[in-house]
Amino acid sequence: MPENNLLSAVNGYREACDIKLQLEESGSDFYELKGNVTKVISQLHPKRLSLTVTEVIEETVSTKTLRLASSRGAKLPPFQAGQYINLFVEIDGVHTARPYAISSSPSQRDYYDLTVKRLKGGFVSEYLLDQVKLGLNLISTGPMGTFYHSPLYHGDDLVFLAGGSGGAPARSILLDILNRGLPYNFHMIYVNSFADDVIYAQELRALQESFDNFFLTEVITRPSVDYVGYSGRLSHELLEGKLGRLDKKMFYVCGPTPFNENCLKLLTGLGVERQRIRVEVNGAPKAPNSQSGWPDGVALEDEVTVRVKGKGSFTVKVGEPLLNSLERNGYSTENACRSGECSLCRVKLLSGSVFNPQEARLRKSDRDFNWIYSCVAFPTEDVEIQL
């Protein structure tokens, strides 16, 4: 059997080929393996993982990394650098979840690192930073997401524009490249508000000194008087000056929504094709009312009633994503990305109207039959839904 270089890099591929050849030589009809496929798939792509906090790493004054290992002592499922897990928590009786990018390298599967940055007023981030201790057991989904490097389509000249905690998937992709000795150039342009709040600062600077194919550009948007280095917002001049020709590069963008939008505008303004820009959305938009199509006369602080068919109703503010308000009021629906990508949290809109922002990747069939993605849906009047 000719060896496929890409497949041979997958854990267990060669072993599976050897077993297949042995079974073929023995004349097996593979009946004895009935049911094993489902078992293997559930191991590689489990719906739920039981995890234990084995280490809490202080990154900066605003950020910690939670190191999570399997509660059963087993290896964790493999993942693509750049993917995330959805972490389930219970806070003051409210069951909710948030997706966090795995910031560790997929080259090892003893633990996942989740890097959590404090979000002012953040319901989950403040809980994880202030209350999570060593030994705590947590539940998550398996790894998921499409924000990773594809060697077939993305080439070998990679640029990652990261803002704040957007450095988490960048670190995973970088470590994967360096650990495996992959022949890719990786330029990370890392934007942070303050010079003393740069996540992984010492590690990234050391890696730049040690590897010729890693280039790091740090930008501080709120520099101190004595700061020396690049400061302010990203600009055409900075990108062209640091990167040179842009037409053959593959761009990855991850950070707060305004950062992502600004990066996309800058890159397309420089002539970069949209298909060469990958943007990782981080949650529902904070200002949906600034997007095209927002109804006139509706304010984020307005209150509306949400009725769950056959179950009850509650009052919410327009500016709160529907999924968040459902969870606060004791209702639940499966969810993972919380950014309008995976569609797991969809519910049926029976009456009333919601605003679906640009982040909501609704399919035509969803629109035709009034399905909405509750994680990014904003009720703009009284609504009735079916879970």
Protein backbone atom coordinates (compact mmCIF):
# COMPACT_ATOMS: atom_id res chain seq x y z
CA MET A 1 0.00 0.00 0.00
CA PRO A 2 1.57 3.33 -1.05
CA GLU A 3 2.07 5.61 1.92
CA ASN A 4 0.11 8.86 2.00
CA ASN A 5 2.31 11.46 3.69
CA LEU A 6 -0.64 13.36 5.12
CA LEU A 7 -2.44 10.32 6.50
CA SER A 8 0.76 8.83 7.89
CA ALA A 9 0.99 11.80 10.23
CA VAL A 10 -2.35 10.85 11.83
CA ASN A 11 -2.00 8.99 15.12
CA GLY A 12 -2.82 5.32 14.64
CA TYR A 13 -2.99 5.42 10.83
CA ARG A 14 -0.07 3.06 10.21
CA GLU A 15 -1.26 0.66 12.89
CA ALA A 16 -4.73 0.58 11.31
CA CYS A 17 -3.20 -0.18 7.90
CA ASP A 18 -1.21 -3.09 9.39
CA ILE A 19 -4.34 -4.55 11.01
CA LYS A 20 -6.27 -4.19 7.76
CA LEU A 21 -3.59 -6.09 5.84
CA GLN A 22 -3.51 -8.86 8.44
CA LEU A 23 -7.29 -9.27 8.26
CA GLU A 24 -7.24 -9.32 4.46
CA GLU A 25 -4.55 -12.01 4.44
CA SER A 26 -6.55 -14.16 6.87
CA GLY A 27 -9.62 -13.94 4.65
CA SER A 28 -11.70 -12.17 7.29
CA ASP A 29 -15.01 -10.57 6.35
CA PHE A 30 -14.46 -8.11 9.24
CA TYR A 31 -17.58 -9.37 11.03
CA GLU A 32 -15.56 -9.71 14.26
CA LEU A 33 -15.03 -5.92 14.19
CA LYS A 34 -18.76 -5.15 14.16
CA GLY A 35 -19.47 -2.25 16.53
CA ASN A 36 -15.82 -1.28 16.89
CA VAL A 37 -16.15 1.63 14.47
CA THR A 38 -18.70 3.33 16.69
CA LYS A 39 -16.53 2.70 19.72
CA VAL A 40 -13.44 4.19 18.09
CA ILE A 41 -15.37 7.23 16.84
CA SER A 42 -16.74 7.91 20.32
CA GLN A 43 -13.20 7.75 21.72
CA LEU A 44 -11.82 10.18 19.14
CA HIS A 45 -14.85 12.48 19.08
CA PRO A 46 -16.63 12.16 22.44
CA LYS A 47 -19.71 14.22 23.18
CA ARG A 48 -18.52 14.86 26.73
CA LEU A 49 -15.15 14.81 28.52
CA SER A 50 -14.59 14.57 32.25
CA LEU A 51 -11.66 16.83 33.13
CA THR A 52 -9.73 17.74 36.28
CA VAL A 53 -7.84 20.97 36.94
CA THR A 54 -4.23 19.87 37.55
CA GLU A 55 -2.53 23.26 37.41
CA VAL A 56 -3.46 26.95 37.44
CA ILE A 57 -0.85 29.09 35.70
CA GLU A 58 -0.76 32.84 36.36
CA GLU A 59 -0.11 34.39 32.95
CA THR A 60 -0.76 38.11 33.60
CA VAL A 61 -2.74 40.26 36.03
CA SER A 62 -5.86 39.56 33.96
CA THR A 63 -5.24 36.05 32.69
CA LYS A 64 -4.74 32.48 33.89
CA THR A 65 -4.23 29.21 32.08
CA LEU A 66 -6.16 26.22 33.43
CA ARG A 67 -4.39 22.94 32.72
CA LEU A 68 -6.98 20.17 32.42
CA ALA A 69 -6.29 16.42 32.36
CA SER A 70 -8.65 13.49 31.96
CA SER A 71 -10.37 12.62 35.24
CA ARG A 72 -9.98 8.97 34.23
CA GLY A 73 -6.23 9.19 33.76
CA ALA A 74 -6.45 8.43 30.04
CA LYS A 75 -5.04 10.28 27.07
CA LEU A 76 -7.29 13.08 25.85
CA PRO A 77 -8.76 12.98 22.33
CA PRO A 78 -6.57 14.36 19.53
CA PHE A 79 -7.35 17.79 18.14
CA GLN A 80 -6.29 20.19 15.43
CA ALA A 81 -4.25 23.17 16.61
CA GLY A 82 -6.69 26.09 16.72
CA GLN A 83 -9.76 24.10 17.83
CA TYR A 84 -11.73 24.66 21.05
CA ILE A 85 -13.74 22.80 23.65
CA ASN A 86 -17.02 24.00 25.14
CA LEU A 87 -16.69 24.09 28.94
CA PHE A 88 -19.84 23.49 31.03
CA VAL A 89 -20.15 25.15 34.43
CA GLU A 90 -22.76 25.79 37.09
CA ILE A 91 -22.62 29.25 38.66
CA ASP A 92 -25.07 30.21 41.40
CA GLY A 93 -27.51 27.61 40.15
CA VAL A 94 -27.24 28.65 36.49
CA HIS A 95 -26.05 25.98 34.06
CA THR A 96 -24.12 27.51 31.19
CA ALA A 97 -21.11 26.93 28.97
CA ARG A 98 -18.42 28.85 27.12
CA PRO A 99 -16.06 27.81 24.31
CA TYR A 100 -12.34 28.19 24.97
CA ALA A 101 -9.57 27.60 22.46
CA ILE A 102 -7.05 24.95 23.45
CA SER A 103 -3.80 26.86 23.82
CA SER A 104 -1.51 23.84 24.27
CA SER A 105 0.11 21.82 21.51
CA PRO A 106 -1.73 18.84 19.98
CA SER A 107 1.62 17.05 19.93
CA GLN A 108 0.86 15.86 23.46
CA ARG A 109 -2.48 14.61 24.82
CA ASP A 110 -1.85 14.45 28.55
CA TYR A 111 -3.68 17.75 29.10
CA TYR A 112 -5.46 20.66 27.45
CA ASP A 113 -4.51 24.22 28.36
CA LEU A 114 -7.37 26.73 28.41
CA THR A 115 -6.28 30.35 28.68
CA VAL A 116 -8.92 32.57 30.28
CA LYS A 117 -8.76 36.38 30.22
CA ARG A 118 -10.93 38.42 32.56
CA LEU A 119 -13.83 40.09 30.80
CA LYS A 120 -15.31 42.99 32.74
CA GLY A 121 -18.63 41.73 34.05
CA GLY A 122 -17.94 38.35 32.45
CA PHE A 123 -20.21 35.77 34.07
CA VAL A 124 -18.02 32.74 33.31
CA SER A 125 -14.54 34.25 33.02
CA GLU A 126 -14.73 35.75 36.51
CA TYR A 127 -15.89 32.42 37.93
CA LEU A 128 -13.03 30.51 36.27
CA LEU A 129 -10.43 33.05 37.35
CA ASP A 130 -11.62 33.64 40.91
CA GLN A 131 -13.17 30.38 42.07
CA VAL A 132 -11.65 27.45 40.17
CA LYS A 133 -9.07 25.56 42.25
CA LEU A 134 -6.79 22.56 41.80
CA GLY A 135 -8.65 19.27 41.73
CA LEU A 136 -11.95 20.69 40.52
CA ASN A 137 -13.78 18.40 38.08
CA LEU A 138 -15.27 19.97 34.96
CA ILE A 139 -17.23 18.69 31.97
CA SER A 140 -16.63 19.73 28.37
CA THR A 141 -17.37 18.71 24.82
CA GLY A 142 -14.70 17.09 22.74
CA PRO A 143 -12.52 19.30 20.53
CA MET A 144 -14.34 21.03 17.67
CA GLY A 145 -14.14 23.96 15.31
CA THR A 146 -12.75 24.73 11.84
CA PHE A 147 -10.20 27.42 12.72
CA TYR A 148 -7.02 25.52 11.94
CA HIS A 149 -4.34 25.26 9.27
CA SER A 150 -5.06 23.02 6.30
CA PRO A 151 -1.79 22.13 4.52
CA LEU A 152 -3.64 21.36 1.29
CA TYR A 153 -5.19 24.81 0.94
CA HIS A 154 -3.44 27.28 3.23
CA GLY A 155 0.16 27.03 2.09
CA ASP A 156 3.29 27.46 4.17
CA ASP A 157 3.49 31.24 4.73
CA LEU A 158 1.17 31.96 7.67
CA VAL A 159 0.31 35.22 9.43
CA PHE A 160 -1.71 35.31 12.64
CA LEU A 161 -3.24 38.61 13.77
CA ALA A 162 -4.11 38.08 17.43
CA GLY A 163 -5.76 40.42 19.90
CA GLY A 164 -5.53 39.68 23.63
CA SER A 165 -6.85 36.19 24.39
CA GLY A 166 -6.87 35.55 20.64
CA GLY A 167 -3.27 34.56 21.26
CA ALA A 168 -4.53 31.21 22.64
CA PRO A 169 -5.20 29.43 19.32
CA ALA A 170 -2.15 31.19 17.84
CA ARG A 171 0.04 29.62 20.52
CA SER A 172 -1.37 26.15 19.81
CA ILE A 173 -0.76 26.46 16.06
CA LEU A 174 2.73 27.85 16.65
CA LEU A 175 3.73 25.09 19.08
CA ASP A 176 2.39 22.46 16.68
CA ILE A 177 4.54 23.84 13.86
CA LEU A 178 7.67 24.08 15.99
CA ASN A 179 7.24 20.76 17.83
CA ARG A 180 6.77 18.86 14.58
CA GLY A 181 9.46 20.74 12.69
CA LEU A 182 7.03 21.72 9.93
CA PRO A 183 8.50 23.80 7.06
CA TYR A 184 6.17 26.78 7.57
CA ASN A 185 6.90 30.43 8.22
CA PHE A 186 4.70 31.78 11.03
CA HIS A 187 4.45 35.51 11.70
CA MET A 188 2.41 36.50 14.75
CA ILE A 189 1.32 40.12 15.05
CA TYR A 190 0.12 40.33 18.64
CA VAL A 191 -1.95 43.33 19.75
CA ASN A 192 -2.59 44.03 23.44
CA SER A 193 -3.79 47.01 25.44
CA PHE A 194 -0.96 47.16 28.00
CA ALA A 195 2.69 46.11 27.88
CA ASP A 196 2.44 44.30 31.24
CA ASP A 197 -0.62 42.30 30.17
CA VAL A 198 0.76 40.39 27.16
CA ILE A 199 -0.14 36.70 27.49
CA TYR A 200 2.76 34.26 26.88
CA ALA A 201 5.12 37.26 26.44
CA GLN A 202 8.31 35.63 27.70
CA GLU A 203 7.61 32.31 25.98
CA LEU A 204 6.89 33.92 22.60
CA ARG A 205 9.98 36.12 22.74
CA ALA A 206 12.16 33.13 23.62
CA LEU A 207 10.70 31.08 20.76
CA GLN A 208 11.43 33.90 18.33
CA GLU A 209 15.07 33.83 19.40
CA SER A 210 15.27 30.05 19.00
CA PHE A 211 13.47 29.44 15.69
CA ASP A 212 14.23 31.05 12.34
CA ASN A 213 10.73 30.42 10.97
CA PHE A 214 8.87 32.26 13.76
CA PHE A 215 8.52 36.03 13.66
CA LEU A 216 6.86 38.06 16.41
CA THR A 217 5.60 41.65 16.19
CA GLU A 218 4.13 43.10 19.38
CA VAL A 219 1.80 46.11 19.29
CA ILE A 220 0.53 47.97 22.38
CA THR A 221 -2.56 50.13 21.98
CA ARG A 222 -2.28 51.95 25.33
CA PRO A 223 1.46 52.39 25.89
CA SER A 224 3.03 53.93 28.97
CA VAL A 225 5.16 57.04 28.63
CA ASP A 226 8.41 55.04 28.64
CA TYR A 227 7.22 52.26 26.30
CA VAL A 228 9.51 51.49 23.36
CA GLY A 229 8.01 49.55 20.45
CA TYR A 230 5.04 49.55 18.09
CA SER A 231 1.97 51.26 19.52
CA GLY A 232 -1.52 52.28 18.45
CA ARG A 233 -3.90 50.41 16.20
CA LEU A 234 -2.89 48.21 13.30
CA SER A 235 -2.48 50.07 10.04
CA HIS A 236 -1.78 49.46 6.36
CA GLU A 237 1.71 50.86 6.84
CA LEU A 238 2.58 48.53 9.72
CA LEU A 239 1.27 45.41 7.96
CA GLU A 240 3.03 46.17 4.68
CA GLY A 241 6.23 47.18 6.48
CA LYS A 242 6.41 43.97 8.54
CA LEU A 243 5.02 41.48 6.03
CA GLY A 244 6.11 42.68 2.59
CA ARG A 245 4.16 41.00 -0.21
CA LEU A 246 0.80 39.78 0.99
CA ASP A 247 -0.60 37.88 -2.00
CA LYS A 248 0.86 34.45 -1.11
CA LYS A 249 0.23 34.55 2.63
CA MET A 250 -2.57 32.91 4.60
CA PHE A 251 -4.06 35.09 7.35
CA TYR A 252 -5.68 34.00 10.62
CA VAL A 253 -7.52 36.56 12.77
CA CYS A 254 -8.69 36.06 16.35
CA GLY A 255 -9.57 38.61 19.00
CA PRO A 256 -12.47 40.77 20.21
CA THR A 257 -15.14 41.48 17.59
CA PRO A 258 -14.01 45.10 16.87
CA PHE A 259 -10.43 43.85 16.43
CA ASN A 260 -11.55 41.15 14.01
CA GLU A 261 -13.62 43.60 12.00
CA ASN A 262 -10.75 46.09 11.79
CA CYS A 263 -8.28 43.40 10.68
CA LEU A 264 -10.66 42.17 7.99
CA LYS A 265 -11.11 45.74 6.73
CA LEU A 266 -7.36 46.37 6.68
CA LEU A 267 -6.49 43.15 4.87
CA THR A 268 -9.17 43.44 2.21
CA GLY A 269 -8.16 47.08 1.76
CA LEU A 270 -4.64 45.87 1.00
CA GLY A 271 -5.96 43.57 -1.68
CA VAL A 272 -5.86 40.28 0.23
CA GLU A 273 -8.46 37.88 -1.17
CA ARG A 274 -11.23 37.06 1.30
CA GLN A 275 -10.59 33.34 0.86
CA ARG A 276 -7.08 33.86 2.28
CA ILE A 277 -8.43 35.36 5.52
CA ARG A 278 -9.79 33.12 8.28
CA VAL A 279 -11.59 34.83 11.15
CA GLU A 280 -12.47 33.10 14.42
CA VAL A 281 -15.61 34.64 15.91
CA ASN A 282 -15.62 34.96 19.71
CA GLY A 283 -19.22 34.89 20.86
CA ALA A 284 -22.22 37.04 20.09
CA PRO A 285 -21.63 40.68 19.07
CA LYS A 286 -21.57 43.15 21.95
CA ALA A 287 -23.27 45.86 19.87
CA PRO A 288 -25.72 44.15 17.51
CA ASN A 289 -27.56 47.46 17.16
CA SER A 290 -24.61 48.82 15.18
CA GLN A 291 -25.13 46.29 12.39
CA SER A 292 -27.17 46.72 9.24
CA GLY A 293 -30.80 45.65 9.61
CA TRP A 294 -31.23 46.51 13.29
CA PRO A 295 -34.85 47.72 13.69
CA ASP A 296 -35.41 51.44 14.15
CA GLY A 297 -36.49 52.61 17.57
CA VAL A 298 -35.30 49.49 19.42
CA ALA A 299 -32.68 49.97 22.18
CA LEU A 300 -30.51 47.31 23.81
CA GLU A 301 -31.99 48.19 27.22
CA ASP A 302 -35.60 47.66 26.09
CA GLU A 303 -37.40 44.74 27.76
CA VAL A 304 -39.39 42.04 25.97
CA THR A 305 -41.09 38.78 26.96
CA VAL A 306 -39.82 35.38 25.85
CA ARG A 307 -42.42 32.60 25.98
CA VAL A 308 -41.21 28.99 25.80
CA LYS A 309 -44.10 26.95 24.39
CA GLY A 310 -45.68 24.74 27.03
CA LYS A 311 -43.08 25.64 29.66
CA GLY A 312 -43.31 29.26 30.79
CA SER A 313 -42.09 32.76 30.08
CA PHE A 314 -39.68 35.41 31.33
CA THR A 315 -38.66 39.01 30.67
CA VAL A 316 -35.28 39.92 29.14
CA LYS A 317 -33.41 42.89 27.78
CA VAL A 318 -33.09 43.11 24.02
CA GLY A 319 -29.29 43.29 24.16
CA GLU A 320 -28.88 39.85 25.79
CA PRO A 321 -28.42 36.84 23.47
CA LEU A 322 -31.40 34.51 23.70
CA LEU A 323 -29.33 31.49 24.79
CA ASN A 324 -27.90 33.42 27.77
CA SER A 325 -31.36 34.44 28.95
CA LEU A 326 -32.70 30.90 28.49
CA GLU A 327 -29.95 29.52 30.72
CA ARG A 328 -30.44 32.19 33.37
CA ASN A 329 -34.10 31.24 33.59
CA GLY A 330 -33.56 27.49 33.92
CA TYR A 331 -33.96 26.38 30.30
CA SER A 332 -31.31 24.58 28.31
CA THR A 333 -30.47 23.58 24.76
CA GLU A 334 -27.41 21.89 23.35
CA ASN A 335 -24.69 24.37 22.40
CA ALA A 336 -21.01 24.50 21.55
CA CYS A 337 -19.58 27.50 19.70
CA ARG A 338 -21.89 30.25 21.06
CA SER A 339 -20.95 32.32 18.01
CA GLY A 340 -23.44 31.23 15.34
CA GLU A 341 -21.33 28.59 13.64
CA CYS A 342 -22.25 25.11 14.83
CA SER A 343 -26.11 25.42 14.82
CA LEU A 344 -26.50 23.08 17.83
CA CYS A 345 -28.42 25.69 19.83
CA ARG A 346 -31.10 26.33 17.23
CA VAL A 347 -34.69 26.77 18.39
CA LYS A 348 -37.90 27.36 16.44
CA LEU A 349 -39.32 30.87 16.38
CA LEU A 350 -43.12 30.55 16.57
CA SER A 351 -44.04 34.23 16.77
CA GLY A 352 -42.44 37.63 17.11
CA SER A 353 -39.10 38.66 15.65
CA VAL A 354 -35.42 38.44 16.52
CA PHE A 355 -32.38 40.15 15.06
CA ASN A 356 -29.94 37.72 13.46
CA PRO A 357 -26.53 39.44 13.27
CA GLN A 358 -23.93 38.81 10.59
CA GLU A 359 -22.36 36.19 12.86
CA ALA A 360 -25.46 33.97 12.52
CA ARG A 361 -24.65 31.56 9.71
CA LEU A 362 -28.25 30.55 9.12
CA ARG A 363 -28.89 28.06 6.36
CA LYS A 364 -31.63 28.69 3.82
CA SER A 365 -33.69 25.87 5.31
CA ASP A 366 -33.41 27.49 8.75
CA ARG A 367 -34.71 30.79 7.41
CA ASP A 368 -37.50 29.08 5.45
CA PHE A 369 -38.83 27.25 8.53
CA ASN A 370 -38.11 29.92 11.18
CA TRP A 371 -35.23 28.23 12.97
CA ILE A 372 -32.86 30.61 14.78
CA TYR A 373 -29.50 30.12 16.49
CA SER A 374 -30.26 31.16 20.05
CA CYS A 375 -26.63 31.99 20.94
CA VAL A 376 -26.62 34.96 18.55
CA ALA A 377 -30.35 35.77 18.33
CA PHE A 378 -31.61 39.00 19.93
CA PRO A 379 -35.40 39.21 20.55
CA THR A 380 -36.51 42.69 19.43
CA GLU A 381 -40.15 42.22 20.48
CA ASP A 382 -42.20 39.68 22.45
CA VAL A 383 -41.49 36.21 21.05
CA GLU A 384 -42.61 32.61 21.47
CA ILE A 385 -40.13 29.80 20.81
CA GLN A 386 -40.10 26.02 20.87
CA LEU A 387 -37.11 24.21 22.33
